[in-house]
Amino acid sequence: MGVMFYGNIGEPIKIEDRALAHLTVIIATKLRRHESFTLSWQHTADDPEGRSTIWLHAAIPMRFVFDAPETPELNREWIERLAASANSSGGIALVPDHATGALTVPVAVSPDA
């Protein structure tokens, strides 16, 4: 399970390593373009029930930490599907990777409206 630290939020955001690697590509691309957006996720089983949303902006520090020391192989099709979703009015929804069917933590990212 990977984690994302964002700004002064004390608790890390938990996202499965492979999903986080793909999400990192989309986040970096949008922030490089100076596009701010929200990131929403459902809490994991070991957190209080519910969901959270944060505002992502290039000026706020961010760090991604992965459990595995090696970078997972990225699925280009998954990245393209996530990127297309990120540019839609509904925002990005972290959908399963068709290559593995893997997705353990649901996460959604919405562009600013």
N, C-alpha and C. Protein backbone atom coordinates (compact mmCIF):
# COMPACT_ATOMS: atom_id res chain seq x y z
N MET A 1 0.85 -1.18 0.00
CA MET A 1 0.00 0.00 0.00
C MET A 1 0.89 1.23 0.00
N GLY A 2 0.77 2.05 -1.03
CA GLY A 2 1.51 3.29 -1.09
C GLY A 2 0.77 4.39 -0.35
N VAL A 3 1.43 5.52 -0.17
CA VAL A 3 0.79 6.66 0.48
C VAL A 3 1.19 7.94 -0.23
N MET A 4 0.31 8.92 -0.11
CA MET A 4 0.58 10.25 -0.64
C MET A 4 0.49 11.23 0.53
N PHE A 5 1.53 12.03 0.70
CA PHE A 5 1.52 13.11 1.70
C PHE A 5 1.26 14.39 0.94
N TYR A 6 0.36 15.23 1.45
CA TYR A 6 0.00 16.45 0.73
C TYR A 6 -0.10 17.60 1.70
N GLY A 7 0.68 18.65 1.46
CA GLY A 7 0.63 19.87 2.27
C GLY A 7 0.83 19.56 3.74
N ASN A 8 0.01 20.16 4.58
CA ASN A 8 0.14 19.97 6.02
C ASN A 8 -0.84 18.93 6.57
N ILE A 9 -1.41 18.13 5.70
CA ILE A 9 -2.30 17.06 6.15
C ILE A 9 -1.45 16.03 6.89
N GLY A 10 -1.78 15.76 8.15
CA GLY A 10 -0.98 14.86 8.96
C GLY A 10 -1.07 13.40 8.57
N GLU A 11 -2.25 12.96 8.18
CA GLU A 11 -2.46 11.56 7.83
C GLU A 11 -2.16 11.35 6.34
N PRO A 12 -1.39 10.30 6.02
CA PRO A 12 -1.15 10.03 4.60
C PRO A 12 -2.40 9.48 3.94
N ILE A 13 -2.49 9.68 2.64
CA ILE A 13 -3.57 9.15 1.84
C ILE A 13 -3.11 7.80 1.31
N LYS A 14 -3.83 6.73 1.64
CA LYS A 14 -3.41 5.37 1.28
C LYS A 14 -4.00 4.96 -0.06
N ILE A 15 -3.11 4.55 -0.97
CA ILE A 15 -3.52 4.10 -2.30
C ILE A 15 -2.60 2.94 -2.69
N GLU A 16 -3.15 1.89 -3.21
CA GLU A 16 -2.37 0.73 -3.63
C GLU A 16 -1.25 1.17 -4.56
N ASP A 17 -0.03 0.58 -4.40
CA ASP A 17 1.17 1.00 -5.14
C ASP A 17 0.97 1.15 -6.64
N ARG A 18 0.42 0.13 -7.29
CA ARG A 18 0.29 0.17 -8.75
C ARG A 18 -0.68 1.28 -9.17
N ALA A 19 -1.79 1.41 -8.45
CA ALA A 19 -2.74 2.48 -8.76
C ALA A 19 -2.11 3.84 -8.51
N LEU A 20 -1.33 3.98 -7.42
CA LEU A 20 -0.68 5.25 -7.11
C LEU A 20 0.34 5.62 -8.19
N ALA A 21 1.06 4.64 -8.72
CA ALA A 21 2.02 4.92 -9.78
C ALA A 21 1.33 5.51 -11.01
N HIS A 22 0.19 4.96 -11.36
CA HIS A 22 -0.55 5.48 -12.51
C HIS A 22 -1.16 6.84 -12.20
N LEU A 23 -1.71 6.99 -11.01
CA LEU A 23 -2.31 8.26 -10.61
C LEU A 23 -1.25 9.36 -10.55
N THR A 24 -0.04 9.02 -10.13
CA THR A 24 1.07 9.99 -10.07
C THR A 24 1.35 10.60 -11.45
N VAL A 25 1.29 9.78 -12.48
CA VAL A 25 1.51 10.28 -13.85
C VAL A 25 0.46 11.34 -14.19
N ILE A 26 -0.79 11.07 -13.87
CA ILE A 26 -1.87 12.00 -14.20
C ILE A 26 -1.75 13.27 -13.36
N ILE A 27 -1.49 13.14 -12.07
CA ILE A 27 -1.35 14.30 -11.19
C ILE A 27 -0.20 15.19 -11.67
N ALA A 28 0.95 14.58 -11.95
CA ALA A 28 2.11 15.35 -12.40
C ALA A 28 1.82 16.08 -13.71
N THR A 29 1.14 15.42 -14.62
CA THR A 29 0.80 16.04 -15.90
C THR A 29 -0.11 17.25 -15.71
N LYS A 30 -1.17 17.08 -14.91
CA LYS A 30 -2.11 18.18 -14.70
C LYS A 30 -1.45 19.35 -13.97
N LEU A 31 -0.64 19.06 -12.95
CA LEU A 31 0.00 20.15 -12.20
C LEU A 31 1.08 20.84 -13.03
N ARG A 32 1.75 20.09 -13.89
CA ARG A 32 2.76 20.70 -14.78
C ARG A 32 2.09 21.72 -15.71
N ARG A 33 0.83 21.46 -16.04
CA ARG A 33 0.05 22.37 -16.89
C ARG A 33 -0.63 23.47 -16.08
N HIS A 34 -0.35 23.51 -14.78
CA HIS A 34 -0.94 24.48 -13.86
C HIS A 34 -2.45 24.32 -13.77
N GLU A 35 -2.92 23.08 -13.83
CA GLU A 35 -4.34 22.78 -13.69
C GLU A 35 -4.58 22.28 -12.27
N SER A 36 -5.31 23.04 -11.47
CA SER A 36 -5.68 22.62 -10.12
C SER A 36 -6.94 21.78 -10.20
N PHE A 37 -7.11 20.88 -9.24
CA PHE A 37 -8.26 19.98 -9.24
C PHE A 37 -8.41 19.35 -7.86
N THR A 38 -9.51 18.65 -7.65
CA THR A 38 -9.71 17.97 -6.38
C THR A 38 -9.36 16.49 -6.51
N LEU A 39 -8.97 15.92 -5.38
CA LEU A 39 -8.70 14.48 -5.29
C LEU A 39 -9.59 13.95 -4.18
N SER A 40 -10.43 13.01 -4.51
CA SER A 40 -11.35 12.41 -3.53
C SER A 40 -11.11 10.91 -3.47
N TRP A 41 -11.28 10.35 -2.29
CA TRP A 41 -11.09 8.91 -2.13
C TRP A 41 -11.98 8.40 -1.01
N GLN A 42 -12.30 7.12 -1.13
CA GLN A 42 -13.01 6.43 -0.06
C GLN A 42 -11.97 5.95 0.93
N HIS A 43 -12.29 6.05 2.21
CA HIS A 43 -11.36 5.63 3.24
C HIS A 43 -11.15 4.12 3.19
N THR A 44 -9.95 3.68 3.54
CA THR A 44 -9.66 2.26 3.60
C THR A 44 -10.31 1.66 4.84
N ALA A 45 -10.32 0.35 4.91
CA ALA A 45 -10.99 -0.36 6.00
C ALA A 45 -10.43 0.00 7.38
N ASP A 46 -9.14 0.35 7.48
CA ASP A 46 -8.55 0.68 8.78
C ASP A 46 -8.69 2.15 9.16
N ASP A 47 -9.39 2.94 8.34
CA ASP A 47 -9.68 4.35 8.65
C ASP A 47 -11.16 4.48 9.03
N PRO A 48 -11.53 5.61 9.65
CA PRO A 48 -12.96 5.83 9.93
C PRO A 48 -13.74 5.78 8.61
N GLU A 49 -14.97 5.29 8.69
CA GLU A 49 -15.81 5.18 7.50
C GLU A 49 -16.02 6.54 6.86
N GLY A 50 -16.09 6.57 5.55
CA GLY A 50 -16.38 7.81 4.84
C GLY A 50 -15.46 8.04 3.67
N ARG A 51 -15.38 9.30 3.28
CA ARG A 51 -14.51 9.69 2.16
C ARG A 51 -13.95 11.07 2.44
N SER A 52 -12.91 11.42 1.71
CA SER A 52 -12.25 12.72 1.86
C SER A 52 -11.99 13.34 0.50
N THR A 53 -11.84 14.65 0.48
CA THR A 53 -11.50 15.39 -0.74
C THR A 53 -10.47 16.45 -0.38
N ILE A 54 -9.44 16.59 -1.21
CA ILE A 54 -8.46 17.67 -1.06
C ILE A 54 -8.35 18.42 -2.37
N TRP A 55 -7.90 19.65 -2.29
CA TRP A 55 -7.66 20.48 -3.46
C TRP A 55 -6.19 20.33 -3.83
N LEU A 56 -5.88 19.92 -5.05
CA LEU A 56 -4.50 19.77 -5.50
C LEU A 56 -4.09 21.00 -6.29
N HIS A 57 -2.95 21.55 -5.91
CA HIS A 57 -2.41 22.75 -6.55
C HIS A 57 -0.89 22.62 -6.58
N ALA A 58 -0.28 23.09 -7.64
CA ALA A 58 1.17 22.93 -7.82
C ALA A 58 1.99 23.61 -6.73
N ALA A 59 1.45 24.61 -6.05
CA ALA A 59 2.20 25.33 -5.02
C ALA A 59 2.23 24.60 -3.67
N ILE A 60 1.43 23.55 -3.54
CA ILE A 60 1.35 22.82 -2.27
C ILE A 60 2.25 21.59 -2.37
N PRO A 61 3.17 21.39 -1.40
CA PRO A 61 4.09 20.24 -1.48
C PRO A 61 3.36 18.90 -1.44
N MET A 62 3.92 17.96 -2.19
CA MET A 62 3.32 16.63 -2.32
C MET A 62 4.45 15.61 -2.38
N ARG A 63 4.21 14.44 -1.75
CA ARG A 63 5.20 13.37 -1.80
C ARG A 63 4.47 12.05 -1.92
N PHE A 64 4.96 11.19 -2.82
CA PHE A 64 4.41 9.86 -3.01
C PHE A 64 5.40 8.85 -2.46
N VAL A 65 4.92 7.91 -1.65
CA VAL A 65 5.78 6.88 -1.05
C VAL A 65 5.19 5.52 -1.41
N PHE A 66 6.02 4.66 -1.99
CA PHE A 66 5.59 3.34 -2.41
C PHE A 66 6.20 2.28 -1.51
N ASP A 67 5.45 1.21 -1.23
CA ASP A 67 5.98 0.08 -0.46
C ASP A 67 7.07 -0.65 -1.22
N ALA A 68 6.83 -0.91 -2.49
CA ALA A 68 7.78 -1.67 -3.30
C ALA A 68 8.94 -0.78 -3.74
N PRO A 69 10.17 -1.28 -3.67
CA PRO A 69 11.31 -0.46 -4.08
C PRO A 69 11.40 -0.27 -5.60
N GLU A 70 10.83 -1.18 -6.38
CA GLU A 70 10.90 -1.06 -7.83
C GLU A 70 9.63 -0.38 -8.37
N THR A 71 9.79 0.30 -9.47
CA THR A 71 8.66 0.96 -10.12
C THR A 71 7.83 -0.08 -10.85
N PRO A 72 6.52 -0.10 -10.62
CA PRO A 72 5.71 -1.08 -11.35
C PRO A 72 5.66 -0.73 -12.83
N GLU A 73 5.46 -1.74 -13.66
CA GLU A 73 5.31 -1.49 -15.09
C GLU A 73 4.00 -0.74 -15.30
N LEU A 74 4.07 0.35 -16.03
CA LEU A 74 2.88 1.16 -16.26
C LEU A 74 2.14 0.66 -17.50
N ASN A 75 0.82 0.70 -17.42
CA ASN A 75 -0.05 0.28 -18.51
C ASN A 75 -0.48 1.54 -19.25
N ARG A 76 0.00 1.69 -20.47
CA ARG A 76 -0.28 2.89 -21.26
C ARG A 76 -1.79 3.10 -21.46
N GLU A 77 -2.52 2.01 -21.72
CA GLU A 77 -3.97 2.12 -21.93
C GLU A 77 -4.65 2.65 -20.66
N TRP A 78 -4.23 2.17 -19.50
CA TRP A 78 -4.82 2.63 -18.23
C TRP A 78 -4.55 4.12 -18.05
N ILE A 79 -3.31 4.54 -18.32
CA ILE A 79 -2.96 5.96 -18.20
C ILE A 79 -3.81 6.79 -19.16
N GLU A 80 -3.99 6.33 -20.38
CA GLU A 80 -4.80 7.06 -21.36
C GLU A 80 -6.25 7.16 -20.91
N ARG A 81 -6.81 6.08 -20.33
CA ARG A 81 -8.18 6.10 -19.84
C ARG A 81 -8.31 7.06 -18.66
N LEU A 82 -7.33 7.06 -17.77
CA LEU A 82 -7.35 7.97 -16.63
C LEU A 82 -7.22 9.42 -17.09
N ALA A 83 -6.33 9.66 -18.06
CA ALA A 83 -6.13 11.02 -18.57
C ALA A 83 -7.39 11.53 -19.25
N ALA A 84 -8.05 10.68 -20.04
CA ALA A 84 -9.29 11.10 -20.70
C ALA A 84 -10.35 11.43 -19.66
N SER A 85 -10.42 10.63 -18.62
CA SER A 85 -11.36 10.88 -17.54
C SER A 85 -11.02 12.19 -16.82
N ALA A 86 -9.74 12.43 -16.60
CA ALA A 86 -9.29 13.64 -15.90
C ALA A 86 -9.68 14.91 -16.65
N ASN A 87 -9.79 14.82 -17.94
CA ASN A 87 -10.13 15.98 -18.76
C ASN A 87 -11.63 16.11 -19.01
N SER A 88 -12.42 15.22 -18.42
CA SER A 88 -13.86 15.30 -18.59
C SER A 88 -14.47 16.15 -17.47
N SER A 89 -15.71 16.57 -17.66
CA SER A 89 -16.35 17.39 -16.63
C SER A 89 -16.66 16.58 -15.37
N GLY A 90 -16.74 15.26 -15.50
CA GLY A 90 -17.01 14.41 -14.35
C GLY A 90 -15.79 14.11 -13.51
N GLY A 91 -14.61 14.43 -14.00
CA GLY A 91 -13.38 14.15 -13.27
C GLY A 91 -12.89 12.74 -13.48
N ILE A 92 -11.74 12.47 -12.88
CA ILE A 92 -11.11 11.17 -13.06
C ILE A 92 -11.59 10.19 -11.98
N ALA A 93 -11.91 9.01 -12.43
CA ALA A 93 -12.25 7.92 -11.51
C ALA A 93 -11.20 6.84 -11.73
N LEU A 94 -10.58 6.41 -10.67
CA LEU A 94 -9.57 5.37 -10.79
C LEU A 94 -10.27 4.04 -11.01
N VAL A 95 -10.31 3.64 -12.27
CA VAL A 95 -10.99 2.41 -12.67
C VAL A 95 -9.98 1.27 -12.72
N PRO A 96 -10.44 0.04 -12.67
CA PRO A 96 -9.50 -1.09 -12.70
C PRO A 96 -8.65 -1.10 -13.96
N ASP A 97 -7.43 -1.59 -13.81
CA ASP A 97 -6.51 -1.79 -14.92
C ASP A 97 -6.97 -3.05 -15.65
N HIS A 98 -7.30 -2.93 -16.93
CA HIS A 98 -7.77 -4.09 -17.69
C HIS A 98 -6.72 -5.20 -17.76
N ALA A 99 -5.44 -4.84 -17.72
CA ALA A 99 -4.38 -5.85 -17.82
C ALA A 99 -4.37 -6.76 -16.60
N THR A 100 -4.64 -6.21 -15.41
CA THR A 100 -4.56 -7.02 -14.19
C THR A 100 -5.90 -7.12 -13.48
N GLY A 101 -6.82 -6.21 -13.78
CA GLY A 101 -8.09 -6.17 -13.06
C GLY A 101 -7.91 -5.61 -11.66
N ALA A 102 -6.69 -5.14 -11.34
CA ALA A 102 -6.37 -4.71 -9.99
C ALA A 102 -6.87 -3.30 -9.71
N LEU A 103 -7.44 -3.16 -8.56
CA LEU A 103 -7.78 -1.87 -7.98
C LEU A 103 -8.29 -2.16 -6.59
N THR A 104 -7.51 -1.80 -5.59
CA THR A 104 -7.93 -2.13 -4.23
C THR A 104 -8.49 -0.94 -3.49
N VAL A 105 -8.16 0.27 -3.89
CA VAL A 105 -8.65 1.46 -3.19
C VAL A 105 -9.30 2.39 -4.21
N PRO A 106 -10.61 2.62 -4.11
CA PRO A 106 -11.25 3.52 -5.04
C PRO A 106 -10.80 4.96 -4.80
N VAL A 107 -10.46 5.66 -5.83
CA VAL A 107 -10.03 7.05 -5.75
C VAL A 107 -10.68 7.79 -6.89
N ALA A 108 -11.07 9.03 -6.68
CA ALA A 108 -11.62 9.85 -7.75
C ALA A 108 -10.97 11.20 -7.73
N VAL A 109 -10.67 11.74 -8.89
CA VAL A 109 -10.10 13.07 -9.01
C VAL A 109 -10.98 13.86 -9.94
N SER A 110 -11.35 15.07 -9.54
CA SER A 110 -12.20 15.93 -10.38
C SER A 110 -11.45 17.19 -10.75
N PRO A 111 -11.52 17.60 -12.01
CA PRO A 111 -10.89 18.87 -12.40
C PRO A 111 -11.66 20.02 -11.77
N ASP A 112 -11.01 21.20 -11.65
CA ASP A 112 -11.74 22.33 -11.09
C ASP A 112 -12.87 22.71 -12.03
N ALA A 113 -13.94 23.14 -11.44
CA ALA A 113 -15.13 23.45 -12.25
C ALA A 113 -15.28 24.94 -12.41
